[in-house]
Amino acid sequence: MTRFFRFSVLVLATWIAMAAATPAAPDKVTTEQIISRLTVAIENLKTLRCVIKAQERFGASYQSNQTALKLAYNPQRVYLRNKKGIEVLWVAGQNDGDAWVYPNSFPYVTLSLDPNGTLMRRNQHHSLIDAGYGVVADIIHGSALRQDHNFERSFRYTGDTIVQNRPCYILTSDYAFRYVSYKTVKGDTPARVADRFGCGEFRVLERNGLTPGQAIPEGKTLQVPNAYGRHTVLCIDQKMMLPLAVYVADDKGLFEQFSFSEVVANQPIAPEEFTKDYKGYKL
């Protein structure tokens, strides 16, 4: 475990403990109001700029990454550049659905890759198309395929804290997380199974040795999480009503955590910033 990882977990645990020790006054705001305002803020996003720091578990180890993101909708457009200099551009309806990827390594040529394919999902919990707050939306909304919504209903407003010098609400979920057996039906893929349980696709892939988009034979028994997390925390900026921190733990401990900084929402982004030839890009 890296020193940075230990430090970030310690900081997160500290402010969670402080918030739990000093709950907000009950007449200040309700869980339902926070979730409603959070939902509206995410649904009303037209553009987003931010820097995302991610820590995700793969097997017994963790991978950290920092990415500068530009995102726009209608049509959806995503540009990102990480600290390694890797650049990715994806625009709905262009390049036959593939993303342009500059690997910043030999042979230093731009590739066209499926954003949901094995190469782009390697060492990634989530697809490029879910960049920004797509994962948070999935967590708080659940899936229409899920038979119950007990996990989403388990979130509670547990207090206030300060993240990046900004007041935040804390939403916390504690859930009886476990793996359950599921027998596949005709047409199942890892993504569809994940939607059925609202558990996120990565653990379905990892636990069952599957690949993204794989057609799964009918009648195959899979081990699938019954929810997204055992202990989940969202820190939501009280002004923007967008998350600044997300923490998810499961039966093995920390599963993933994200921080969002330098967040600028709904400010115009020039269309040319989502083109390969934009100045400064190496695509």
Foldseek 3Di string as FASTA:
>chain_A
DDPVVVVVVVVVVVQVVVLLVPADDPPPDWPVRLLVLLLVLVVPFAKKWWKKWKWADDDPDIDIWIKTWIWGPPPTWIWIATPLGKIWIATPPPPVQWIWIQGNDPPRDIDTHHQQFQVNCVNNLDGPSCPDCNLVNLQLVAAPLAPDDVQNVQWTFRGWGADPNFIWTKIKGADPKDWDKDFAAAPDFLVVVCSHQSAGSRVQCNQAVHTGPDGDDGGDIGTGINHNARMWMFTAGPPSSHTQKIWGAHPVGTRMMMGIPPMDTPDDDDPCVNDCPPPPHSD
